[in-house]
Every structure is written in C-alpha cells, then in structure tokens.
Amino acid sequence: MGEGRGAEYPLHRRAVVARLLGGRDDLLVIAGLGAPAWDVTAAAGDRALTFPLWGAMGGAAMVGLGLALAQPERRVVVVTGDGEMLMGLGALATIAARQPANLAIVVLDNERYGETGMQPTHTAGPTDLAAVAVGAGLPVAIEVFDEADLEAALPRIVAEPGPVFVNIKVRAEALPLVMPQKDGATLKDRFRGALLGARAGE
C-alpha cells in the first residue's frame, strides 16, 4: 500500500469542522476518538451536546445510530476519522438496515492513523469509504475533495434526509491537542442533562 495523497489535500480538518458546527448548537454530535474529538473541541468548544468517545475505536457510527433512533426529531452528526471508521465498517450495514433519516456520518479522511504515528490507512490505498457506504445500502454517500465540494456537502450533512455519509479528504497534518472532558460519567450526565433537561433523571 502506498502513502496516498494525504499531504496534498487542500482542506484542513479543523477548518472543515468549524464550518460544519459553527452556529449549529442544536446538533447532537458524536466525536470519534482521538483527532476528531480534538477537532470538534477546537472548532466548537467543549459543548454539552457533543459526546466524545474515549477508547471506543470503531464505535462512533453505532453510537450515532443509537442516538438517532432514540431522538428521531433531532439531527445527529457523527464526526470521526478514517482509521476509526475502518474498524467499524459493519456499522454501515446496520445503519442502512435501520435507515435513520436524521443521521449523518462525516469522516475526516487524512489517510493516516494519527494517534499512532501517521501510518497510512487503507484509504491511502484501494479503499473508498463512500463506495463502501453505497455498497452497504446508504442512500446518500458522497466524497469531498475541495472547497466547492464542501460547500455543496454542508447543507446535506445538516438537513438532507439520510442516513447521509460524507467522506471528506483532509490534509494529513499534526495539530496541537485541544482536549475535551475525559470522564465518561461526567460526559454522560452532561449530555443527558443538556438533551433531556428535567427529564434527564428519569
């Protein structure tokens, strides 16, 4: 497998996430472990309606599915990475089977395992995650390479009936950590409280 084109892509991951989340405080966000959680925190702050995953590689899309099914009137956006999505590809088949119209999965694909030394992932080689999503049965699966693609994709991520899968090719680059809250119980209680209000204790 080659090194891919990760160093050449024009889009920068944190600028992409800032565009996606800026001013959209109503979104329910699941952030995949590692860099996506840091990107979301850098772009939108350590917000109560974001649930960052810690040590649950491969689980982001399934957590998003569960939340989307439990809250069908709310838009759920999963922001994750290519390495994390590759570990949980089976989730796409289950999501396609359930067809949650309010779920969008956004993959920040830098073709690298950023937390373990920037080794190439399979997307640096033959694997096309958007094509996998199509094969799994998702009705909307697109790939973003540049600013024009991103501009067209953003309204689809936040509003188009789904499930929506968007694979965004971003530059492979080392960025400073911006850490969200790490305690799982605190994150759970904070998210439930922000989402359910007085009903959170039921």
N, C-alpha and C. Protein backbone atom coordinates (compact mmCIF):
# COMPACT_ATOMS: atom_id res chain seq x y z
N MET A 1 0.85 -1.19 0.00
CA MET A 1 0.00 0.00 0.00
C MET A 1 0.88 1.24 0.00
N GLY A 2 0.52 2.25 -0.80
CA GLY A 2 1.30 3.46 -0.89
C GLY A 2 0.98 4.44 0.23
N GLU A 3 1.57 5.62 0.10
CA GLU A 3 1.38 6.67 1.10
C GLU A 3 0.13 7.49 0.86
N GLY A 4 -0.51 7.32 -0.31
CA GLY A 4 -1.70 8.09 -0.60
C GLY A 4 -1.39 9.55 -0.88
N ARG A 5 -2.41 10.38 -0.82
CA ARG A 5 -2.26 11.81 -1.13
C ARG A 5 -2.55 12.70 0.07
N GLY A 6 -2.50 12.13 1.26
CA GLY A 6 -2.91 12.88 2.45
C GLY A 6 -2.22 14.21 2.63
N ALA A 7 -0.96 14.33 2.23
CA ALA A 7 -0.23 15.59 2.42
C ALA A 7 -0.61 16.64 1.38
N GLU A 8 -1.39 16.25 0.37
CA GLU A 8 -1.68 17.15 -0.74
C GLU A 8 -3.08 17.75 -0.70
N TYR A 9 -3.98 17.19 0.06
CA TYR A 9 -5.36 17.66 0.02
C TYR A 9 -5.47 19.10 0.52
N PRO A 10 -6.31 19.92 -0.12
CA PRO A 10 -6.37 21.33 0.25
C PRO A 10 -7.15 21.63 1.52
N LEU A 11 -8.08 20.77 1.90
CA LEU A 11 -8.93 21.07 3.05
C LEU A 11 -8.21 20.72 4.35
N HIS A 12 -8.37 21.60 5.35
CA HIS A 12 -7.79 21.41 6.67
C HIS A 12 -8.89 20.99 7.64
N ARG A 13 -8.63 19.94 8.39
CA ARG A 13 -9.67 19.28 9.18
C ARG A 13 -10.38 20.22 10.15
N ARG A 14 -9.65 21.05 10.88
CA ARG A 14 -10.32 21.89 11.87
C ARG A 14 -11.12 23.02 11.23
N ALA A 15 -10.67 23.51 10.10
CA ALA A 15 -11.47 24.50 9.37
C ALA A 15 -12.76 23.87 8.86
N VAL A 16 -12.68 22.62 8.42
CA VAL A 16 -13.87 21.90 7.96
C VAL A 16 -14.86 21.73 9.11
N VAL A 17 -14.38 21.30 10.26
CA VAL A 17 -15.27 21.07 11.40
C VAL A 17 -15.87 22.40 11.89
N ALA A 18 -15.08 23.46 11.87
CA ALA A 18 -15.61 24.77 12.26
C ALA A 18 -16.74 25.19 11.33
N ARG A 19 -16.58 24.95 10.03
CA ARG A 19 -17.64 25.27 9.07
C ARG A 19 -18.88 24.43 9.34
N LEU A 20 -18.67 23.18 9.67
CA LEU A 20 -19.80 22.27 9.89
C LEU A 20 -20.58 22.62 11.15
N LEU A 21 -19.88 22.90 12.23
CA LEU A 21 -20.54 23.06 13.54
C LEU A 21 -20.83 24.50 13.92
N GLY A 22 -20.19 25.45 13.28
CA GLY A 22 -20.35 26.84 13.66
C GLY A 22 -21.80 27.31 13.58
N GLY A 23 -22.32 27.81 14.71
CA GLY A 23 -23.68 28.33 14.74
C GLY A 23 -24.77 27.29 14.73
N ARG A 24 -24.39 26.03 14.82
CA ARG A 24 -25.40 24.95 14.79
C ARG A 24 -25.43 24.25 16.15
N ASP A 25 -25.83 25.00 17.15
CA ASP A 25 -25.79 24.50 18.52
C ASP A 25 -26.83 23.43 18.79
N ASP A 26 -27.78 23.24 17.87
CA ASP A 26 -28.83 22.26 18.07
C ASP A 26 -28.41 20.85 17.66
N LEU A 27 -27.29 20.71 16.95
CA LEU A 27 -26.85 19.39 16.51
C LEU A 27 -26.43 18.53 17.69
N LEU A 28 -26.77 17.25 17.63
CA LEU A 28 -26.25 16.27 18.57
C LEU A 28 -25.03 15.64 17.91
N VAL A 29 -23.86 15.77 18.53
CA VAL A 29 -22.61 15.40 17.89
C VAL A 29 -21.93 14.27 18.64
N ILE A 30 -21.59 13.22 17.93
CA ILE A 30 -20.74 12.16 18.44
C ILE A 30 -19.37 12.33 17.78
N ALA A 31 -18.33 12.46 18.59
CA ALA A 31 -16.98 12.66 18.07
C ALA A 31 -16.17 11.39 18.27
N GLY A 32 -15.64 10.86 17.18
CA GLY A 32 -14.80 9.67 17.27
C GLY A 32 -13.54 9.94 18.08
N LEU A 33 -12.94 8.87 18.58
CA LEU A 33 -11.79 9.03 19.47
C LEU A 33 -10.62 9.69 18.77
N GLY A 34 -9.77 10.34 19.55
CA GLY A 34 -8.56 10.94 19.02
C GLY A 34 -8.82 12.27 18.34
N ALA A 35 -8.18 12.46 17.18
CA ALA A 35 -8.19 13.74 16.49
C ALA A 35 -9.58 14.31 16.24
N PRO A 36 -10.59 13.52 15.83
CA PRO A 36 -11.91 14.13 15.63
C PRO A 36 -12.47 14.77 16.91
N ALA A 37 -12.26 14.15 18.05
CA ALA A 37 -12.73 14.76 19.31
C ALA A 37 -12.01 16.07 19.57
N TRP A 38 -10.72 16.10 19.26
CA TRP A 38 -9.96 17.34 19.46
C TRP A 38 -10.39 18.39 18.44
N ASP A 39 -10.67 17.97 17.22
CA ASP A 39 -11.13 18.90 16.19
C ASP A 39 -12.45 19.54 16.59
N VAL A 40 -13.38 18.72 17.06
CA VAL A 40 -14.69 19.24 17.46
C VAL A 40 -14.54 20.21 18.62
N THR A 41 -13.69 19.88 19.59
CA THR A 41 -13.49 20.75 20.73
C THR A 41 -12.84 22.07 20.30
N ALA A 42 -11.85 22.00 19.40
CA ALA A 42 -11.20 23.21 18.92
C ALA A 42 -12.17 24.08 18.14
N ALA A 43 -13.06 23.45 17.37
CA ALA A 43 -13.95 24.20 16.49
C ALA A 43 -15.17 24.75 17.21
N ALA A 44 -15.70 23.99 18.17
CA ALA A 44 -16.99 24.36 18.78
C ALA A 44 -16.94 24.44 20.29
N GLY A 45 -15.77 24.19 20.90
CA GLY A 45 -15.68 24.21 22.35
C GLY A 45 -16.12 22.89 22.96
N ASP A 46 -15.96 22.78 24.25
CA ASP A 46 -16.33 21.57 24.97
C ASP A 46 -17.82 21.65 25.31
N ARG A 47 -18.66 21.50 24.29
CA ARG A 47 -20.10 21.74 24.43
C ARG A 47 -20.82 20.52 24.98
N ALA A 48 -21.91 20.78 25.69
CA ALA A 48 -22.63 19.71 26.38
C ALA A 48 -23.29 18.72 25.42
N LEU A 49 -23.69 19.18 24.23
CA LEU A 49 -24.37 18.29 23.29
C LEU A 49 -23.40 17.61 22.33
N THR A 50 -22.11 17.59 22.70
CA THR A 50 -21.13 16.77 22.00
C THR A 50 -20.69 15.66 22.93
N PHE A 51 -20.69 14.43 22.41
CA PHE A 51 -20.24 13.29 23.20
C PHE A 51 -18.99 12.72 22.54
N PRO A 52 -17.80 13.05 23.08
CA PRO A 52 -16.56 12.50 22.51
C PRO A 52 -16.31 11.10 23.05
N LEU A 53 -15.90 10.21 22.15
CA LEU A 53 -15.60 8.85 22.57
C LEU A 53 -14.14 8.74 22.98
N TRP A 54 -13.91 8.03 24.04
CA TRP A 54 -12.56 7.77 24.54
C TRP A 54 -12.35 6.26 24.59
N GLY A 55 -11.40 5.75 23.82
CA GLY A 55 -11.08 4.33 23.88
C GLY A 55 -12.13 3.42 23.31
N ALA A 56 -12.97 3.93 22.41
CA ALA A 56 -14.04 3.11 21.82
C ALA A 56 -13.87 3.10 20.31
N MET A 57 -12.69 2.71 19.84
CA MET A 57 -12.40 2.76 18.41
C MET A 57 -13.33 1.83 17.64
N GLY A 58 -13.94 2.37 16.59
CA GLY A 58 -14.87 1.61 15.78
C GLY A 58 -16.31 1.77 16.20
N GLY A 59 -16.56 2.49 17.30
CA GLY A 59 -17.92 2.57 17.84
C GLY A 59 -18.69 3.83 17.51
N ALA A 60 -18.06 4.82 16.88
CA ALA A 60 -18.72 6.12 16.72
C ALA A 60 -20.00 6.04 15.92
N ALA A 61 -19.97 5.36 14.77
CA ALA A 61 -21.17 5.30 13.93
C ALA A 61 -22.31 4.58 14.64
N MET A 62 -22.00 3.53 15.39
CA MET A 62 -23.07 2.81 16.10
C MET A 62 -23.64 3.61 17.25
N VAL A 63 -22.79 4.36 17.95
CA VAL A 63 -23.32 5.25 18.99
C VAL A 63 -24.23 6.29 18.34
N GLY A 64 -23.80 6.82 17.20
CA GLY A 64 -24.65 7.77 16.49
C GLY A 64 -25.97 7.16 16.07
N LEU A 65 -25.95 5.90 15.62
CA LEU A 65 -27.19 5.22 15.24
C LEU A 65 -28.13 5.11 16.42
N GLY A 66 -27.62 4.67 17.55
CA GLY A 66 -28.46 4.54 18.74
C GLY A 66 -29.09 5.86 19.14
N LEU A 67 -28.29 6.92 19.10
CA LEU A 67 -28.81 8.24 19.46
C LEU A 67 -29.85 8.71 18.45
N ALA A 68 -29.60 8.48 17.17
CA ALA A 68 -30.55 8.91 16.15
C ALA A 68 -31.88 8.18 16.28
N LEU A 69 -31.83 6.91 16.62
CA LEU A 69 -33.08 6.16 16.81
C LEU A 69 -33.82 6.60 18.05
N ALA A 70 -33.06 6.96 19.09
CA ALA A 70 -33.69 7.40 20.34
C ALA A 70 -34.25 8.81 20.26
N GLN A 71 -33.67 9.64 19.37
CA GLN A 71 -34.07 11.05 19.24
C GLN A 71 -34.39 11.36 17.77
N PRO A 72 -35.45 10.79 17.25
CA PRO A 72 -35.72 10.91 15.80
C PRO A 72 -36.04 12.32 15.34
N GLU A 73 -36.35 13.23 16.27
CA GLU A 73 -36.66 14.61 15.88
C GLU A 73 -35.43 15.50 15.87
N ARG A 74 -34.29 14.97 16.27
CA ARG A 74 -33.06 15.76 16.35
C ARG A 74 -32.05 15.28 15.30
N ARG A 75 -31.26 16.20 14.78
CA ARG A 75 -30.21 15.83 13.82
C ARG A 75 -28.98 15.36 14.58
N VAL A 76 -28.50 14.19 14.23
CA VAL A 76 -27.33 13.59 14.85
C VAL A 76 -26.21 13.56 13.81
N VAL A 77 -25.05 14.10 14.18
CA VAL A 77 -23.90 14.11 13.28
C VAL A 77 -22.74 13.40 13.97
N VAL A 78 -22.23 12.37 13.33
CA VAL A 78 -21.03 11.68 13.79
C VAL A 78 -19.85 12.28 13.05
N VAL A 79 -18.85 12.74 13.80
CA VAL A 79 -17.61 13.24 13.20
C VAL A 79 -16.50 12.29 13.62
N THR A 80 -15.93 11.58 12.67
CA THR A 80 -14.93 10.59 13.01
C THR A 80 -13.82 10.57 11.96
N GLY A 81 -12.87 9.66 12.13
CA GLY A 81 -11.74 9.57 11.22
C GLY A 81 -11.77 8.30 10.39
N ASP A 82 -10.90 8.25 9.40
CA ASP A 82 -10.88 7.08 8.51
C ASP A 82 -10.43 5.83 9.24
N GLY A 83 -9.44 5.93 10.12
CA GLY A 83 -8.99 4.74 10.86
C GLY A 83 -10.08 4.18 11.75
N GLU A 84 -10.81 5.08 12.43
CA GLU A 84 -11.90 4.65 13.30
C GLU A 84 -13.04 4.04 12.49
N MET A 85 -13.36 4.65 11.35
CA MET A 85 -14.44 4.13 10.51
C MET A 85 -14.08 2.78 9.92
N LEU A 86 -12.82 2.60 9.54
CA LEU A 86 -12.39 1.32 9.01
C LEU A 86 -12.57 0.19 10.02
N MET A 87 -12.38 0.50 11.30
CA MET A 87 -12.55 -0.53 12.32
C MET A 87 -14.02 -0.89 12.54
N GLY A 88 -14.93 0.00 12.15
CA GLY A 88 -16.35 -0.24 12.39
C GLY A 88 -17.18 -0.30 11.12
N LEU A 89 -16.64 -0.86 10.05
CA LEU A 89 -17.37 -0.86 8.77
C LEU A 89 -18.70 -1.59 8.85
N GLY A 90 -18.80 -2.59 9.70
CA GLY A 90 -20.06 -3.31 9.83
C GLY A 90 -21.20 -2.43 10.26
N ALA A 91 -20.88 -1.32 10.93
CA ALA A 91 -21.92 -0.39 11.36
C ALA A 91 -22.70 0.16 10.18
N LEU A 92 -22.04 0.33 9.04
CA LEU A 92 -22.72 0.91 7.89
C LEU A 92 -23.86 0.02 7.40
N ALA A 93 -23.67 -1.29 7.47
CA ALA A 93 -24.74 -2.20 7.07
C ALA A 93 -25.93 -2.11 8.01
N THR A 94 -25.65 -2.01 9.31
CA THR A 94 -26.73 -1.90 10.28
C THR A 94 -27.46 -0.57 10.14
N ILE A 95 -26.71 0.49 9.92
CA ILE A 95 -27.33 1.80 9.71
C ILE A 95 -28.21 1.78 8.46
N ALA A 96 -27.72 1.16 7.39
CA ALA A 96 -28.53 1.06 6.17
C ALA A 96 -29.80 0.25 6.41
N ALA A 97 -29.69 -0.78 7.23
CA ALA A 97 -30.87 -1.60 7.51
C ALA A 97 -31.92 -0.82 8.30
N ARG A 98 -31.49 0.07 9.19
CA ARG A 98 -32.43 0.83 10.02
C ARG A 98 -32.86 2.14 9.37
N GLN A 99 -32.06 2.70 8.48
CA GLN A 99 -32.40 3.91 7.71
C GLN A 99 -32.84 5.10 8.58
N PRO A 100 -32.05 5.51 9.56
CA PRO A 100 -32.42 6.70 10.34
C PRO A 100 -32.26 7.97 9.49
N ALA A 101 -33.35 8.64 9.23
CA ALA A 101 -33.32 9.81 8.35
C ALA A 101 -32.59 11.00 8.96
N ASN A 102 -32.40 10.98 10.27
CA ASN A 102 -31.81 12.12 10.97
C ASN A 102 -30.32 11.95 11.27
N LEU A 103 -29.66 10.95 10.67
CA LEU A 103 -28.26 10.66 10.98
C LEU A 103 -27.36 11.02 9.81
N ALA A 104 -26.26 11.71 10.14
CA ALA A 104 -25.21 11.98 9.16
C ALA A 104 -23.87 11.52 9.75
N ILE A 105 -23.08 10.85 8.94
CA ILE A 105 -21.75 10.40 9.34
C ILE A 105 -20.73 11.15 8.49
N VAL A 106 -19.85 11.87 9.16
CA VAL A 106 -18.82 12.65 8.48
C VAL A 106 -17.47 12.04 8.85
N VAL A 107 -16.73 11.59 7.85
CA VAL A 107 -15.41 11.02 8.06
C VAL A 107 -14.36 12.03 7.60
N LEU A 108 -13.48 12.41 8.53
CA LEU A 108 -12.33 13.25 8.20
C LEU A 108 -11.20 12.32 7.79
N ASP A 109 -11.04 12.16 6.48
CA ASP A 109 -10.16 11.12 5.93
C ASP A 109 -8.81 11.73 5.53
N ASN A 110 -7.83 11.62 6.42
CA ASN A 110 -6.48 12.08 6.09
C ASN A 110 -5.57 10.93 5.66
N GLU A 111 -6.17 9.74 5.53
CA GLU A 111 -5.45 8.54 5.09
C GLU A 111 -4.33 8.14 6.05
N ARG A 112 -4.52 8.46 7.33
CA ARG A 112 -3.49 8.19 8.33
C ARG A 112 -4.11 7.76 9.66
N TYR A 113 -3.34 6.94 10.40
CA TYR A 113 -3.64 6.68 11.81
C TYR A 113 -2.88 7.73 12.61
N GLY A 114 -3.55 8.82 12.91
CA GLY A 114 -2.88 9.97 13.51
C GLY A 114 -2.38 9.76 14.92
N GLU A 115 -3.02 8.88 15.68
CA GLU A 115 -2.65 8.73 17.10
C GLU A 115 -1.49 7.78 17.32
N THR A 116 -1.08 7.05 16.29
CA THR A 116 -0.04 6.03 16.50
C THR A 116 1.19 6.24 15.61
N GLY A 117 1.29 7.42 14.98
CA GLY A 117 2.50 7.70 14.22
C GLY A 117 2.28 8.05 12.77
N MET A 118 1.02 8.32 12.37
CA MET A 118 0.69 8.74 10.99
C MET A 118 0.97 7.64 9.96
N GLN A 119 0.81 6.39 10.37
CA GLN A 119 0.92 5.31 9.40
C GLN A 119 -0.26 5.39 8.41
N PRO A 120 -0.05 5.03 7.13
CA PRO A 120 -1.15 5.06 6.16
C PRO A 120 -2.26 4.08 6.53
N THR A 121 -3.50 4.52 6.35
CA THR A 121 -4.63 3.61 6.49
C THR A 121 -4.95 3.01 5.12
N HIS A 122 -5.95 2.16 5.07
CA HIS A 122 -6.33 1.53 3.80
C HIS A 122 -6.87 2.54 2.80
N THR A 123 -7.34 3.71 3.29
CA THR A 123 -7.84 4.71 2.34
C THR A 123 -6.71 5.39 1.59
N ALA A 124 -5.47 5.21 2.04
CA ALA A 124 -4.32 5.68 1.26
C ALA A 124 -4.07 4.74 0.09
N GLY A 125 -4.70 3.60 0.11
CA GLY A 125 -4.58 2.61 -0.96
C GLY A 125 -5.89 2.44 -1.68
N PRO A 126 -6.42 1.22 -1.74
CA PRO A 126 -7.57 0.95 -2.61
C PRO A 126 -8.93 1.21 -2.00
N THR A 127 -9.02 1.47 -0.70
CA THR A 127 -10.33 1.50 -0.06
C THR A 127 -11.00 2.86 -0.21
N ASP A 128 -12.23 2.84 -0.70
CA ASP A 128 -13.05 4.03 -0.92
C ASP A 128 -14.23 3.94 0.05
N LEU A 129 -14.20 4.73 1.11
CA LEU A 129 -15.22 4.61 2.14
C LEU A 129 -16.61 4.99 1.64
N ALA A 130 -16.70 5.98 0.75
CA ALA A 130 -18.01 6.33 0.21
C ALA A 130 -18.58 5.18 -0.61
N ALA A 131 -17.73 4.48 -1.36
CA ALA A 131 -18.18 3.32 -2.13
C ALA A 131 -18.63 2.19 -1.20
N VAL A 132 -17.93 2.02 -0.09
CA VAL A 132 -18.33 1.01 0.90
C VAL A 132 -19.72 1.36 1.44
N ALA A 133 -19.94 2.64 1.73
CA ALA A 133 -21.25 3.06 2.24
C ALA A 133 -22.35 2.79 1.23
N VAL A 134 -22.08 3.06 -0.04
CA VAL A 134 -23.05 2.75 -1.09
C VAL A 134 -23.34 1.25 -1.12
N GLY A 135 -22.29 0.46 -1.06
CA GLY A 135 -22.47 -0.99 -1.08
C GLY A 135 -23.24 -1.51 0.11
N ALA A 136 -23.08 -0.83 1.25
CA ALA A 136 -23.81 -1.23 2.46
C ALA A 136 -25.29 -0.89 2.36
N GLY A 137 -25.63 0.06 1.48
CA GLY A 137 -27.03 0.42 1.29
C GLY A 137 -27.42 1.79 1.76
N LEU A 138 -26.46 2.66 2.09
CA LEU A 138 -26.82 4.01 2.48
C LEU A 138 -27.29 4.80 1.27
N PRO A 139 -28.37 5.56 1.41
CA PRO A 139 -28.95 6.24 0.24
C PRO A 139 -28.16 7.45 -0.22
N VAL A 140 -27.38 8.06 0.68
CA VAL A 140 -26.59 9.24 0.34
C VAL A 140 -25.16 8.99 0.78
N ALA A 141 -24.23 8.93 -0.16
CA ALA A 141 -22.83 8.72 0.16
C ALA A 141 -22.00 9.51 -0.84
N ILE A 142 -21.27 10.51 -0.34
CA ILE A 142 -20.52 11.39 -1.23
C ILE A 142 -19.11 11.57 -0.71
N GLU A 143 -18.24 12.02 -1.60
CA GLU A 143 -16.85 12.28 -1.23
C GLU A 143 -16.55 13.74 -1.52
N VAL A 144 -15.79 14.35 -0.61
CA VAL A 144 -15.45 15.77 -0.70
C VAL A 144 -13.94 15.89 -0.83
N PHE A 145 -13.49 16.66 -1.83
CA PHE A 145 -12.07 16.85 -2.06
C PHE A 145 -11.61 18.30 -1.92
N ASP A 146 -12.53 19.25 -2.15
CA ASP A 146 -12.10 20.64 -2.18
C ASP A 146 -13.20 21.55 -1.65
N GLU A 147 -12.95 22.85 -1.72
CA GLU A 147 -13.88 23.83 -1.15
C GLU A 147 -15.25 23.78 -1.82
N ALA A 148 -15.27 23.63 -3.12
CA ALA A 148 -16.56 23.56 -3.82
C ALA A 148 -17.37 22.35 -3.39
N ASP A 149 -16.70 21.21 -3.25
CA ASP A 149 -17.37 20.00 -2.77
C ASP A 149 -17.91 20.21 -1.36
N LEU A 150 -17.09 20.85 -0.51
CA LEU A 150 -17.51 21.07 0.88
C LEU A 150 -18.72 21.98 0.95
N GLU A 151 -18.71 23.04 0.17
CA GLU A 151 -19.83 23.98 0.16
C GLU A 151 -21.12 23.26 -0.23
N ALA A 152 -21.03 22.36 -1.18
CA ALA A 152 -22.22 21.61 -1.59
C ALA A 152 -22.64 20.58 -0.55
N ALA A 153 -21.67 20.03 0.19
CA ALA A 153 -21.98 18.96 1.13
C ALA A 153 -22.55 19.45 2.45
N LEU A 154 -22.16 20.63 2.91
CA LEU A 154 -22.56 21.08 4.25
C LEU A 154 -24.07 21.08 4.47
N PRO A 155 -24.89 21.65 3.57
CA PRO A 155 -26.34 21.60 3.82
C PRO A 155 -26.90 20.19 3.79
N ARG A 156 -26.26 19.30 3.05
CA ARG A 156 -26.72 17.92 3.01
C ARG A 156 -26.44 17.22 4.34
N ILE A 157 -25.30 17.55 4.94
CA ILE A 157 -24.94 16.94 6.23
C ILE A 157 -25.94 17.33 7.31
N VAL A 158 -26.34 18.58 7.33
CA VAL A 158 -27.16 19.06 8.45
C VAL A 158 -28.66 18.96 8.20
N ALA A 159 -29.09 18.67 6.97
CA ALA A 159 -30.53 18.72 6.72
C ALA A 159 -31.08 17.62 5.81
N GLU A 160 -30.29 17.04 4.93
CA GLU A 160 -30.86 16.10 3.96
C GLU A 160 -31.31 14.81 4.66
N PRO A 161 -32.50 14.31 4.31
CA PRO A 161 -32.92 13.02 4.88
C PRO A 161 -31.88 11.95 4.55
N GLY A 162 -31.55 11.18 5.54
CA GLY A 162 -30.47 10.21 5.39
C GLY A 162 -30.93 8.78 5.62
N PRO A 163 -29.99 7.97 6.05
CA PRO A 163 -28.68 8.36 6.56
C PRO A 163 -27.75 8.89 5.46
N VAL A 164 -26.99 9.92 5.85
CA VAL A 164 -26.06 10.59 4.96
C VAL A 164 -24.64 10.20 5.36
N PHE A 165 -23.83 9.84 4.39
CA PHE A 165 -22.42 9.52 4.63
C PHE A 165 -21.57 10.45 3.77
N VAL A 166 -20.66 11.18 4.42
CA VAL A 166 -19.80 12.12 3.70
C VAL A 166 -18.35 11.85 4.11
N ASN A 167 -17.56 11.47 3.13
CA ASN A 167 -16.13 11.24 3.36
C ASN A 167 -15.36 12.46 2.86
N ILE A 168 -14.72 13.16 3.78
CA ILE A 168 -14.03 14.41 3.45
C ILE A 168 -12.53 14.17 3.48
N LYS A 169 -11.89 14.32 2.33
CA LYS A 169 -10.44 14.17 2.27
C LYS A 169 -9.79 15.43 2.83
N VAL A 170 -9.03 15.26 3.91
CA VAL A 170 -8.38 16.40 4.56
C VAL A 170 -6.87 16.16 4.59
N ARG A 171 -6.15 17.25 4.75
CA ARG A 171 -4.69 17.16 4.74
C ARG A 171 -4.18 16.41 5.96
N ALA A 172 -3.19 15.58 5.74
CA ALA A 172 -2.52 14.89 6.85
C ALA A 172 -1.55 15.86 7.49
N GLU A 173 -1.85 16.29 8.70
CA GLU A 173 -1.02 17.28 9.38
C GLU A 173 -1.12 17.08 10.88
N ALA A 174 -0.04 17.40 11.57
CA ALA A 174 -0.01 17.31 13.02
C ALA A 174 -0.52 18.63 13.60
N LEU A 175 -1.50 18.52 14.50
CA LEU A 175 -2.11 19.70 15.09
C LEU A 175 -2.05 19.62 16.61
N PRO A 176 -2.04 20.76 17.30
CA PRO A 176 -2.00 20.72 18.76
C PRO A 176 -3.27 20.13 19.35
N LEU A 177 -3.13 19.47 20.48
CA LEU A 177 -4.28 18.86 21.14
C LEU A 177 -5.17 19.94 21.75
N VAL A 178 -6.47 19.75 21.64
CA VAL A 178 -7.46 20.58 22.33
C VAL A 178 -8.41 19.59 22.99
N MET A 179 -8.15 19.29 24.23
CA MET A 179 -8.79 18.14 24.87
C MET A 179 -10.16 18.46 25.44
N PRO A 180 -11.17 17.64 25.11
CA PRO A 180 -12.46 17.77 25.78
C PRO A 180 -12.45 17.06 27.13
N GLN A 181 -13.56 17.16 27.82
CA GLN A 181 -13.75 16.44 29.08
C GLN A 181 -13.50 14.95 28.84
N LYS A 182 -12.85 14.29 29.80
CA LYS A 182 -12.48 12.89 29.61
C LYS A 182 -13.27 11.90 30.47
N ASP A 183 -13.89 12.36 31.53
CA ASP A 183 -14.57 11.43 32.43
C ASP A 183 -15.89 10.96 31.83
N GLY A 184 -16.02 9.65 31.63
CA GLY A 184 -17.19 9.11 30.95
C GLY A 184 -18.50 9.40 31.66
N ALA A 185 -18.52 9.26 32.98
CA ALA A 185 -19.76 9.50 33.72
C ALA A 185 -20.17 10.96 33.63
N THR A 186 -19.19 11.85 33.70
CA THR A 186 -19.48 13.28 33.58
C THR A 186 -20.02 13.60 32.19
N LEU A 187 -19.39 13.03 31.17
CA LEU A 187 -19.86 13.26 29.81
C LEU A 187 -21.29 12.77 29.62
N LYS A 188 -21.58 11.57 30.14
CA LYS A 188 -22.93 11.02 30.01
C LYS A 188 -23.95 11.91 30.69
N ASP A 189 -23.68 12.30 31.93
CA ASP A 189 -24.64 13.11 32.68
C ASP A 189 -24.82 14.48 32.05
N ARG A 190 -23.72 15.05 31.57
CA ARG A 190 -23.79 16.37 30.95
C ARG A 190 -24.61 16.32 29.67
N PHE A 191 -24.37 15.30 28.85
CA PHE A 191 -25.10 15.17 27.60
C PHE A 191 -26.59 14.94 27.85
N ARG A 192 -26.89 14.02 28.76
CA ARG A 192 -28.30 13.74 29.08
C ARG A 192 -29.00 14.99 29.62
N GLY A 193 -28.33 15.72 30.48
CA GLY A 193 -28.92 16.93 31.05
C GLY A 193 -29.20 17.98 29.99
N ALA A 194 -28.26 18.16 29.07
CA ALA A 194 -28.46 19.16 28.01
C ALA A 194 -29.53 18.74 27.03
N LEU A 195 -29.65 17.44 26.79
CA LEU A 195 -30.62 16.95 25.83
C LEU A 195 -32.02 16.83 26.41
N LEU A 196 -32.13 16.30 27.62
CA LEU A 196 -33.43 15.97 28.19
C LEU A 196 -33.93 16.96 29.22
N GLY A 197 -33.06 17.83 29.71
CA GLY A 197 -33.48 18.80 30.72
C GLY A 197 -33.97 18.11 31.98
N ALA A 198 -35.14 18.51 32.46
CA ALA A 198 -35.67 17.98 33.70
C ALA A 198 -35.95 16.48 33.63
N ARG A 199 -36.07 15.94 32.41
CA ARG A 199 -36.35 14.51 32.27
C ARG A 199 -35.10 13.66 32.36
N ALA A 200 -33.92 14.30 32.49
CA ALA A 200 -32.66 13.56 32.47
C ALA A 200 -32.54 12.57 33.62
N GLY A 201 -33.20 12.86 34.73
CA GLY A 201 -33.11 11.96 35.89
C GLY A 201 -34.10 10.82 35.87
N GLU A 202 -34.95 10.77 34.86
CA GLU A 202 -35.98 9.72 34.82
C GLU A 202 -35.38 8.38 34.42
